[in-house]
């Protein structure tokens, strides 16, 4: 196997190990675009793992320096992620800003552990999630990526709010609270109740308040997907619907996002894909 093929294969393993929904959604892309998505995901995973696996701010800054050196043309020839990403940067007109934004978002996880408002949460979500969509735009829609930026940002915000609503318990284990204080006060739900994992009417109202905002953002993003090239339209729609369905999975779990991880089953994914295909054919 050639070195570049081995590098992309390594990135494929990373995305399929950590995000089956993301991997399945983008699996229908043409080969070159699909592999490029794998490489970008591997970069994001590398950054995310520094924070989630007990790394330090110094390690994150060291990675940022490594990326800056990469942009100057120097990187480890033994690191599959850099090898694959270098190939992506040679094939596409990549925007470097969202890569740095992603790193900035992970810095925020070291600096901020409580958020006062949903606006602050969305600002954080831009850095850690909307940045991913902006990274992918030159790959998915190379001739139309500037026009699609606002929709990609909305989709990233919606996905990150969905992650937050799914992972309340996991985040608490890492001493992180992304549920904004002003909404907890609005719904008369205390941080002490949150830490105890209490699911009551107040918590459900609070959770649904944030979910409503996520749904609004999905609705904003959805019509913009029609402006993607045909070969990217279906996978982006699939990613949107897979993530959106996580909200329904949490509801099905009776809002237990403290000890039960919500997911979209393979059967549900197939049903969603069928619905998307049917809708796509009707629009054609």
C-alpha atoms as a PDB file:
ATOM      1  CA  UNK A   1       0.000   0.000   0.000  1.00  0.00           C
ATOM      2  CA  UNK A   2       1.402   3.393  -0.934  1.00  0.00           C
ATOM      3  CA  UNK A   3       2.192   5.772   1.919  1.00  0.00           C
ATOM      4  CA  UNK A   4      -0.603   8.196   1.039  1.00  0.00           C
ATOM      5  CA  UNK A   5      -3.152   5.390   0.784  1.00  0.00           C
ATOM      6  CA  UNK A   6      -2.001   4.060   4.157  1.00  0.00           C
ATOM      7  CA  UNK A   7      -2.353   7.552   5.633  1.00  0.00           C
ATOM      8  CA  UNK A   8      -5.924   7.942   4.394  1.00  0.00           C
ATOM      9  CA  UNK A   9      -6.783   4.457   5.617  1.00  0.00           C
ATOM     10  CA  UNK A  10      -5.564   5.438   9.073  1.00  0.00           C
ATOM     11  CA  UNK A  11      -7.837   8.503   8.968  1.00  0.00           C
ATOM     12  CA  UNK A  12     -10.764   6.327   7.881  1.00  0.00           C
ATOM     13  CA  UNK A  13     -10.287   4.116  10.931  1.00  0.00           C
ATOM     14  CA  UNK A  14     -10.326   7.206  13.168  1.00  0.00           C
ATOM     15  CA  UNK A  15     -13.604   8.587  11.819  1.00  0.00           C
ATOM     16  CA  UNK A  16     -15.340   5.203  11.849  1.00  0.00           C
ATOM     17  CA  UNK A  17     -14.156   4.544  15.411  1.00  0.00           C
ATOM     18  CA  UNK A  18     -15.273   7.885  16.824  1.00  0.00           C
ATOM     19  CA  UNK A  19     -18.255   9.016  14.739  1.00  0.00           C
ATOM     20  CA  UNK A  20     -20.200   6.307  12.969  1.00  0.00           C
ATOM     21  CA  UNK A  21     -22.938   8.784  12.010  1.00  0.00           C
ATOM     22  CA  UNK A  22     -20.463  11.196  10.429  1.00  0.00           C
ATOM     23  CA  UNK A  23     -18.658   8.376   8.644  1.00  0.00           C
ATOM     24  CA  UNK A  24     -21.866   6.842   7.296  1.00  0.00           C
ATOM     25  CA  UNK A  25     -23.236  10.185   6.117  1.00  0.00           C
ATOM     26  CA  UNK A  26     -20.135  11.023   4.076  1.00  0.00           C
ATOM     27  CA  UNK A  27     -19.464   7.515   2.834  1.00  0.00           C
ATOM     28  CA  UNK A  28     -21.375   8.219  -0.392  1.00  0.00           C
ATOM     29  CA  UNK A  29     -19.054  11.038  -1.455  1.00  0.00           C
ATOM     30  CA  UNK A  30     -16.768  10.477  -4.445  1.00  0.00           C
ATOM     31  CA  UNK A  31     -13.555   8.782  -3.319  1.00  0.00           C
ATOM     32  CA  UNK A  32     -11.281  11.845  -3.370  1.00  0.00           C
ATOM     33  CA  UNK A  33     -13.712  14.013  -1.387  1.00  0.00           C
ATOM     34  CA  UNK A  34     -14.477  11.191   1.016  1.00  0.00           C
ATOM     35  CA  UNK A  35     -10.802  10.685   1.836  1.00  0.00           C
ATOM     36  CA  UNK A  36     -10.329  14.430   2.281  1.00  0.00           C
ATOM     37  CA  UNK A  37     -13.169  14.451   4.842  1.00  0.00           C
ATOM     38  CA  UNK A  38     -11.436  11.604   6.693  1.00  0.00           C
ATOM     39  CA  UNK A  39      -8.228  13.637   6.925  1.00  0.00           C
ATOM     40  CA  UNK A  40      -9.979  16.774   8.204  1.00  0.00           C
ATOM     41  CA  UNK A  41     -11.856  14.695  10.766  1.00  0.00           C
ATOM     42  CA  UNK A  42      -8.568  13.151  11.934  1.00  0.00           C
ATOM     43  CA  UNK A  43      -7.175  16.654  12.502  1.00  0.00           C
ATOM     44  CA  UNK A  44     -10.252  17.632  14.541  1.00  0.00           C
ATOM     45  CA  UNK A  45     -10.038  14.403  16.517  1.00  0.00           C
ATOM     46  CA  UNK A  46      -6.381  15.018  17.308  1.00  0.00           C
ATOM     47  CA  UNK A  47      -7.209  18.463  18.709  1.00  0.00           C
ATOM     48  CA  UNK A  48     -10.249  17.213  20.616  1.00  0.00           C
ATOM     49  CA  UNK A  49      -8.369  14.301  22.167  1.00  0.00           C
ATOM     50  CA  UNK A  50      -5.805  16.613  23.738  1.00  0.00           C
ATOM     51  CA  UNK A  51      -8.596  18.128  25.808  1.00  0.00           C
ATOM     52  CA  UNK A  52     -10.765  15.057  26.396  1.00  0.00           C
ATOM     53  CA  UNK A  53      -7.915  12.688  27.290  1.00  0.00           C
ATOM     54  CA  UNK A  54      -6.448  14.797  30.051  1.00  0.00           C
ATOM     55  CA  UNK A  55      -3.947  16.775  28.029  1.00  0.00           C
ATOM     56  CA  UNK A  56      -2.667  20.214  28.955  1.00  0.00           C
ATOM     57  CA  UNK A  57      -2.933  23.683  27.498  1.00  0.00           C
ATOM     58  CA  UNK A  58       0.790  23.446  26.767  1.00  0.00           C
ATOM     59  CA  UNK A  59       0.171  20.324  24.654  1.00  0.00           C
ATOM     60  CA  UNK A  60      -2.560  22.147  22.753  1.00  0.00           C
ATOM     61  CA  UNK A  61      -0.249  25.086  22.096  1.00  0.00           C
ATOM     62  CA  UNK A  62       2.445  22.658  20.959  1.00  0.00           C
ATOM     63  CA  UNK A  63      -0.013  21.171  18.479  1.00  0.00           C
ATOM     64  CA  UNK A  64      -0.895  24.660  17.242  1.00  0.00           C
ATOM     65  CA  UNK A  65       2.800  25.302  16.631  1.00  0.00           C
ATOM     66  CA  UNK A  66       3.029  21.961  14.823  1.00  0.00           C
ATOM     67  CA  UNK A  67       0.157  23.040  12.562  1.00  0.00           C
ATOM     68  CA  UNK A  68       1.830  26.382  11.854  1.00  0.00           C
ATOM     69  CA  UNK A  69       4.996  24.511  10.857  1.00  0.00           C
ATOM     70  CA  UNK A  70       2.875  22.169   8.698  1.00  0.00           C
ATOM     71  CA  UNK A  71       1.489  25.182   6.838  1.00  0.00           C
ATOM     72  CA  UNK A  72       5.073  26.166   6.003  1.00  0.00           C
ATOM     73  CA  UNK A  73       5.593  22.755   4.407  1.00  0.00           C
ATOM     74  CA  UNK A  74       7.278  20.803   7.177  1.00  0.00           C
ATOM     75  CA  UNK A  75       5.693  17.834   8.971  1.00  0.00           C
ATOM     76  CA  UNK A  76       6.491  14.347  10.245  1.00  0.00           C
ATOM     77  CA  UNK A  77       6.602  11.815   7.427  1.00  0.00           C
ATOM     78  CA  UNK A  78       5.720   9.172  10.022  1.00  0.00           C
ATOM     79  CA  UNK A  79       2.415  10.791  11.006  1.00  0.00           C
ATOM     80  CA  UNK A  80      -0.486   9.575   8.865  1.00  0.00           C
ATOM     81  CA  UNK A  81      -2.720  12.509   9.778  1.00  0.00           C
ATOM     82  CA  UNK A  82      -0.229  15.124   8.528  1.00  0.00           C
ATOM     83  CA  UNK A  83       0.547  13.074   5.404  1.00  0.00           C
ATOM     84  CA  UNK A  84      -3.139  12.853   4.475  1.00  0.00           C
ATOM     85  CA  UNK A  85      -3.871  16.472   5.385  1.00  0.00           C
ATOM     86  CA  UNK A  86      -0.938  17.645   3.285  1.00  0.00           C
ATOM     87  CA  UNK A  87      -2.440  15.843   0.292  1.00  0.00           C
ATOM     88  CA  UNK A  88      -5.774  17.560   0.988  1.00  0.00           C
ATOM     89  CA  UNK A  89      -4.126  20.992   1.119  1.00  0.00           C
ATOM     90  CA  UNK A  90      -2.455  20.287  -2.212  1.00  0.00           C
ATOM     91  CA  UNK A  91      -5.712  19.222  -3.880  1.00  0.00           C
ATOM     92  CA  UNK A  92      -8.068  21.880  -2.493  1.00  0.00           C
ATOM     93  CA  UNK A  93      -7.950  25.624  -1.766  1.00  0.00           C
ATOM     94  CA  UNK A  94      -8.248  25.141   1.965  1.00  0.00           C
ATOM     95  CA  UNK A  95      -9.023  28.020   4.320  1.00  0.00           C
ATOM     96  CA  UNK A  96      -6.675  27.866   7.326  1.00  0.00           C
ATOM     97  CA  UNK A  97      -8.762  30.132   9.596  1.00  0.00           C
ATOM     98  CA  UNK A  98     -11.303  27.497  10.700  1.00  0.00           C
ATOM     99  CA  UNK A  99      -8.448  25.121  11.618  1.00  0.00           C
ATOM    100  CA  UNK A 100      -7.121  27.751  14.011  1.00  0.00           C
ATOM    101  CA  UNK A 101     -10.678  28.431  15.189  1.00  0.00           C
ATOM    102  CA  UNK A 102     -11.018  24.766  16.142  1.00  0.00           C
ATOM    103  CA  UNK A 103      -7.868  24.998  18.237  1.00  0.00           C
ATOM    104  CA  UNK A 104      -9.201  28.187  19.833  1.00  0.00           C
ATOM    105  CA  UNK A 105     -12.379  26.340  20.783  1.00  0.00           C
ATOM    106  CA  UNK A 106     -10.386  23.669  22.580  1.00  0.00           C
ATOM    107  CA  UNK A 107      -8.462  26.399  24.400  1.00  0.00           C
ATOM    108  CA  UNK A 108     -11.810  27.619  25.705  1.00  0.00           C
ATOM    109  CA  UNK A 109     -12.364  24.230  27.343  1.00  0.00           C
ATOM    110  CA  UNK A 110      -9.300  24.911  29.476  1.00  0.00           C
ATOM    111  CA  UNK A 111     -10.374  28.466  30.252  1.00  0.00           C
ATOM    112  CA  UNK A 112     -14.172  28.281  30.720  1.00  0.00           C
ATOM    113  CA  UNK A 113     -16.099  25.652  32.683  1.00  0.00           C
ATOM    114  CA  UNK A 114     -19.465  27.375  33.093  1.00  0.00           C
ATOM    115  CA  UNK A 115     -21.493  29.435  30.631  1.00  0.00           C
ATOM    116  CA  UNK A 116     -23.876  32.197  31.630  1.00  0.00           C
ATOM    117  CA  UNK A 117     -25.987  32.451  28.471  1.00  0.00           C
ATOM    118  CA  UNK A 118     -26.962  30.499  25.374  1.00  0.00           C
ATOM    119  CA  UNK A 119     -25.262  33.214  23.329  1.00  0.00           C
ATOM    120  CA  UNK A 120     -21.962  32.340  25.015  1.00  0.00           C
ATOM    121  CA  UNK A 121     -22.564  28.641  24.388  1.00  0.00           C
ATOM    122  CA  UNK A 122     -23.194  29.351  20.709  1.00  0.00           C
ATOM    123  CA  UNK A 123     -19.989  31.379  20.506  1.00  0.00           C
ATOM    124  CA  UNK A 124     -18.103  28.369  21.880  1.00  0.00           C
ATOM    125  CA  UNK A 125     -20.032  26.092  19.516  1.00  0.00           C
ATOM    126  CA  UNK A 126     -18.902  28.164  16.550  1.00  0.00           C
ATOM    127  CA  UNK A 127     -15.272  27.488  17.401  1.00  0.00           C
ATOM    128  CA  UNK A 128     -15.558  23.757  18.079  1.00  0.00           C
ATOM    129  CA  UNK A 129     -18.244  22.792  15.548  1.00  0.00           C
ATOM    130  CA  UNK A 130     -19.053  25.410  12.930  1.00  0.00           C
ATOM    131  CA  UNK A 131     -15.319  25.510  12.252  1.00  0.00           C
ATOM    132  CA  UNK A 132     -15.555  21.903  11.042  1.00  0.00           C
ATOM    133  CA  UNK A 133     -18.179  22.790   8.453  1.00  0.00           C
ATOM    134  CA  UNK A 134     -16.054  25.697   7.269  1.00  0.00           C
ATOM    135  CA  UNK A 135     -13.027  23.396   6.971  1.00  0.00           C
ATOM    136  CA  UNK A 136     -15.035  21.038   4.787  1.00  0.00           C
ATOM    137  CA  UNK A 137     -16.628  23.623   2.477  1.00  0.00           C
ATOM    138  CA  UNK A 138     -13.663  23.914   0.052  1.00  0.00           C
ATOM    139  CA  UNK A 139     -13.833  20.114  -0.300  1.00  0.00           C
ATOM    140  CA  UNK A 140     -17.599  19.696  -0.568  1.00  0.00           C
ATOM    141  CA  UNK A 141     -18.394  22.835  -2.582  1.00  0.00           C
ATOM    142  CA  UNK A 142     -15.154  24.196  -4.049  1.00  0.00           C
ATOM    143  CA  UNK A 143     -16.841  26.667  -6.396  1.00  0.00           C
ATOM    144  CA  UNK A 144     -19.568  27.837  -4.034  1.00  0.00           C
ATOM    145  CA  UNK A 145     -18.092  27.695  -0.539  1.00  0.00           C
ATOM    146  CA  UNK A 146     -18.287  31.430   0.276  1.00  0.00           C
ATOM    147  CA  UNK A 147     -22.031  31.482  -0.456  1.00  0.00           C
ATOM    148  CA  UNK A 148     -22.600  28.473   1.798  1.00  0.00           C
ATOM    149  CA  UNK A 149     -20.740  29.749   4.855  1.00  0.00           C
ATOM    150  CA  UNK A 150     -23.744  30.985   6.839  1.00  0.00           C
ATOM    151  CA  UNK A 151     -25.603  27.702   6.417  1.00  0.00           C
ATOM    152  CA  UNK A 152     -22.519  25.718   7.425  1.00  0.00           C
ATOM    153  CA  UNK A 153     -22.176  27.857  10.544  1.00  0.00           C
ATOM    154  CA  UNK A 154     -25.836  27.276  11.486  1.00  0.00           C
ATOM    155  CA  UNK A 155     -25.489  23.539  10.961  1.00  0.00           C
ATOM    156  CA  UNK A 156     -22.372  23.420  13.142  1.00  0.00           C
ATOM    157  CA  UNK A 157     -24.123  25.332  15.918  1.00  0.00           C
ATOM    158  CA  UNK A 158     -27.115  22.977  15.760  1.00  0.00           C
ATOM    159  CA  UNK A 159     -24.894  19.909  15.890  1.00  0.00           C
ATOM    160  CA  UNK A 160     -22.905  21.178  18.855  1.00  0.00           C
ATOM    161  CA  UNK A 161     -26.046  22.092  20.800  1.00  0.00           C
ATOM    162  CA  UNK A 162     -27.219  18.555  20.068  1.00  0.00           C
ATOM    163  CA  UNK A 163     -23.928  17.171  21.387  1.00  0.00           C
ATOM    164  CA  UNK A 164     -24.324  19.252  24.542  1.00  0.00           C
ATOM    165  CA  UNK A 165     -27.883  17.994  25.085  1.00  0.00           C
ATOM    166  CA  UNK A 166     -26.772  14.392  24.533  1.00  0.00           C
ATOM    167  CA  UNK A 167     -23.620  14.524  26.659  1.00  0.00           C
ATOM    168  CA  UNK A 168     -24.704  16.336  29.832  1.00  0.00           C
ATOM    169  CA  UNK A 169     -23.521  13.509  32.076  1.00  0.00           C
ATOM    170  CA  UNK A 170     -20.238  12.930  30.248  1.00  0.00           C
ATOM    171  CA  UNK A 171     -19.440  16.634  30.387  1.00  0.00           C
ATOM    172  CA  UNK A 172     -20.140  16.732  34.118  1.00  0.00           C
ATOM    173  CA  UNK A 173     -17.625  13.923  34.602  1.00  0.00           C
ATOM    174  CA  UNK A 174     -15.063  16.246  32.995  1.00  0.00           C
ATOM    175  CA  UNK A 175     -16.205  19.106  35.272  1.00  0.00           C
ATOM    176  CA  UNK A 176     -17.772  20.958  32.367  1.00  0.00           C
ATOM    177  CA  UNK A 177     -21.214  22.539  32.287  1.00  0.00           C
ATOM    178  CA  UNK A 178     -22.447  23.817  28.943  1.00  0.00           C
ATOM    179  CA  UNK A 179     -26.049  24.305  30.096  1.00  0.00           C
ATOM    180  CA  UNK A 180     -26.253  28.109  30.488  1.00  0.00           C
ATOM    181  CA  UNK A 181     -26.877  29.535  33.947  1.00  0.00           C
ATOM    182  CA  UNK A 182     -29.521  32.020  32.821  1.00  0.00           C
ATOM    183  CA  UNK A 183     -31.678  29.256  31.333  1.00  0.00           C
ATOM    184  CA  UNK A 184     -31.301  27.157  34.491  1.00  0.00           C
ATOM    185  CA  UNK A 185     -32.528  30.164  36.459  1.00  0.00           C
ATOM    186  CA  UNK A 186     -35.389  30.706  33.984  1.00  0.00           C
ATOM    187  CA  UNK A 187     -36.566  27.112  34.489  1.00  0.00           C
ATOM    188  CA  UNK A 188     -35.894  27.067  38.242  1.00  0.00           C
ATOM    189  CA  UNK A 189     -33.392  24.246  37.891  1.00  0.00           C
ATOM    190  CA  UNK A 190     -30.261  24.453  40.016  1.00  0.00           C
ATOM    191  CA  UNK A 191     -26.675  23.472  39.331  1.00  0.00           C
ATOM    192  CA  UNK A 192     -26.888  21.169  42.350  1.00  0.00           C
ATOM    193  CA  UNK A 193     -29.791  19.327  40.699  1.00  0.00           C
ATOM    194  CA  UNK A 194     -27.768  19.145  37.476  1.00  0.00           C
ATOM    195  CA  UNK A 195     -24.788  17.621  39.275  1.00  0.00           C
ATOM    196  CA  UNK A 196     -27.107  15.068  40.918  1.00  0.00           C
ATOM    197  CA  UNK A 197     -28.581  14.237  37.514  1.00  0.00           C
ATOM    198  CA  UNK A 198     -32.146  15.031  38.528  1.00  0.00           C
ATOM    199  CA  UNK A 199     -34.669  14.705  35.693  1.00  0.00           C
ATOM    200  CA  UNK A 200     -37.829  16.608  36.501  1.00  0.00           C
ATOM    201  CA  UNK A 201     -40.274  18.885  34.688  1.00  0.00           C
ATOM    202  CA  UNK A 202     -37.959  21.849  35.159  1.00  0.00           C
ATOM    203  CA  UNK A 203     -35.042  19.997  33.599  1.00  0.00           C
ATOM    204  CA  UNK A 204     -37.187  18.822  30.685  1.00  0.00           C
ATOM    205  CA  UNK A 205     -38.340  22.392  30.063  1.00  0.00           C
ATOM    206  CA  UNK A 206     -34.737  23.598  30.182  1.00  0.00           C
ATOM    207  CA  UNK A 207     -33.555  20.820  27.862  1.00  0.00           C
ATOM    208  CA  UNK A 208     -36.374  21.495  25.377  1.00  0.00           C
ATOM    209  CA  UNK A 209     -35.614  25.219  25.423  1.00  0.00           C
ATOM    210  CA  UNK A 210     -32.111  24.510  24.103  1.00  0.00           C
ATOM    211  CA  UNK A 211     -33.426  21.804  21.769  1.00  0.00           C
ATOM    212  CA  UNK A 212     -35.840  24.324  20.243  1.00  0.00           C
ATOM    213  CA  UNK A 213     -32.894  26.569  19.399  1.00  0.00           C
ATOM    214  CA  UNK A 214     -31.054  23.603  17.858  1.00  0.00           C
ATOM    215  CA  UNK A 215     -34.130  22.770  15.767  1.00  0.00           C
ATOM    216  CA  UNK A 216     -34.323  26.393  14.565  1.00  0.00           C
ATOM    217  CA  UNK A 217     -30.697  26.232  13.454  1.00  0.00           C
ATOM    218  CA  UNK A 218     -31.269  22.936  11.622  1.00  0.00           C
ATOM    219  CA  UNK A 219     -34.207  24.594   9.848  1.00  0.00           C
ATOM    220  CA  UNK A 220     -31.992  27.531   8.838  1.00  0.00           C
ATOM    221  CA  UNK A 221     -29.273  25.223   7.490  1.00  0.00           C
ATOM    222  CA  UNK A 222     -31.471  22.735   5.639  1.00  0.00           C
ATOM    223  CA  UNK A 223     -32.538  24.824   2.592  1.00  0.00           C
ATOM    224  CA  UNK A 224     -28.943  25.987   1.985  1.00  0.00           C
ATOM    225  CA  UNK A 225     -27.909  22.383   1.308  1.00  0.00           C
ATOM    226  CA  UNK A 226     -29.702  22.569  -2.047  1.00  0.00           C
ATOM    227  CA  UNK A 227     -26.885  24.878  -3.173  1.00  0.00           C
ATOM    228  CA  UNK A 228     -24.203  22.225  -2.654  1.00  0.00           C
ATOM    229  CA  UNK A 229     -22.947  20.262  -5.670  1.00  0.00           C
ATOM    230  CA  UNK A 230     -25.103  17.212  -6.315  1.00  0.00           C
ATOM    231  CA  UNK A 231     -22.470  14.752  -5.077  1.00  0.00           C
ATOM    232  CA  UNK A 232     -22.209  16.535  -1.700  1.00  0.00           C
ATOM    233  CA  UNK A 233     -25.876  17.372  -1.190  1.00  0.00           C
ATOM    234  CA  UNK A 234     -26.973  13.947  -0.006  1.00  0.00           C
ATOM    235  CA  UNK A 235     -24.187  13.373   2.570  1.00  0.00           C
ATOM    236  CA  UNK A 236     -24.601  16.828   4.124  1.00  0.00           C
ATOM    237  CA  UNK A 237     -28.354  16.243   4.402  1.00  0.00           C
ATOM    238  CA  UNK A 238     -27.691  12.837   5.925  1.00  0.00           C
ATOM    239  CA  UNK A 239     -25.346  14.331   8.515  1.00  0.00           C
ATOM    240  CA  UNK A 240     -27.984  16.928   9.414  1.00  0.00           C
ATOM    241  CA  UNK A 241     -30.792  14.404   9.788  1.00  0.00           C
ATOM    242  CA  UNK A 242     -28.656  11.868  11.688  1.00  0.00           C
ATOM    243  CA  UNK A 243     -27.646  14.506  14.224  1.00  0.00           C
ATOM    244  CA  UNK A 244     -31.106  16.000  14.469  1.00  0.00           C
ATOM    245  CA  UNK A 245     -32.496  12.562  15.267  1.00  0.00           C
ATOM    246  CA  UNK A 246     -30.252  12.356  18.337  1.00  0.00           C
ATOM    247  CA  UNK A 247     -32.650  14.824  19.959  1.00  0.00           C
ATOM    248  CA  UNK A 248     -35.485  12.350  19.409  1.00  0.00           C
ATOM    249  CA  UNK A 249     -33.320   9.575  20.867  1.00  0.00           C
ATOM    250  CA  UNK A 250     -32.788  11.556  24.075  1.00  0.00           C
ATOM    251  CA  UNK A 251     -36.538  12.096  24.347  1.00  0.00           C
ATOM    252  CA  UNK A 252     -37.060   8.373  23.777  1.00  0.00           C
ATOM    253  CA  UNK A 253     -34.670   7.763  26.682  1.00  0.00           C
ATOM    254  CA  UNK A 254     -36.957   9.938  28.854  1.00  0.00           C
ATOM    255  CA  UNK A 255     -34.368  12.742  28.868  1.00  0.00           C
ATOM    256  CA  UNK A 256     -31.765  10.644  30.649  1.00  0.00           C
ATOM    257  CA  UNK A 257     -28.679  12.300  29.225  1.00  0.00           C
ATOM    258  CA  UNK A 258     -26.809  11.753  32.493  1.00  0.00           C
ATOM    259  CA  UNK A 259     -26.183   8.004  32.494  1.00  0.00           C
ATOM    260  CA  UNK A 260     -27.482   6.864  29.076  1.00  0.00           C
ATOM    261  CA  UNK A 261     -25.856   7.906  25.807  1.00  0.00           C
ATOM    262  CA  UNK A 262     -28.405   8.532  23.084  1.00  0.00           C
ATOM    263  CA  UNK A 263     -27.614   7.273  19.603  1.00  0.00           C
ATOM    264  CA  UNK A 264     -29.286   6.708  16.268  1.00  0.00           C
ATOM    265  CA  UNK A 265     -29.540   3.013  15.468  1.00  0.00           C
ATOM    266  CA  UNK A 266     -28.555   1.515  12.112  1.00  0.00           C
ATOM    267  CA  UNK A 267     -32.228   0.781  11.438  1.00  0.00           C
ATOM    268  CA  UNK A 268     -33.134   4.417  12.108  1.00  0.00           C
ATOM    269  CA  UNK A 269     -30.267   5.604   9.901  1.00  0.00           C
ATOM    270  CA  UNK A 270     -31.499   3.439   7.026  1.00  0.00           C
ATOM    271  CA  UNK A 271     -35.010   4.842   7.469  1.00  0.00           C
ATOM    272  CA  UNK A 272     -33.674   8.391   7.480  1.00  0.00           C
ATOM    273  CA  UNK A 273     -31.569   7.751   4.384  1.00  0.00           C
ATOM    274  CA  UNK A 274     -34.617   6.365   2.598  1.00  0.00           C
ATOM    275  CA  UNK A 275     -36.636   9.469   3.530  1.00  0.00           C
ATOM    276  CA  UNK A 276     -33.845  11.754   2.299  1.00  0.00           C
ATOM    277  CA  UNK A 277     -33.605   9.854  -0.996  1.00  0.00           C
ATOM    278  CA  UNK A 278     -37.373  10.054  -1.474  1.00  0.00           C
ATOM    279  CA  UNK A 279     -37.365  13.805  -0.793  1.00  0.00           C
ATOM    280  CA  UNK A 280     -34.361  14.292  -3.092  1.00  0.00           C
ATOM    281  CA  UNK A 281     -36.082  12.470  -5.943  1.00  0.00           C
ATOM    282  CA  UNK A 282     -39.223  14.577  -5.440  1.00  0.00           C
ATOM    283  CA  UNK A 283     -37.160  17.760  -5.720  1.00  0.00           C
ATOM    284  CA  UNK A 284     -35.279  16.575  -8.807  1.00  0.00           C
END
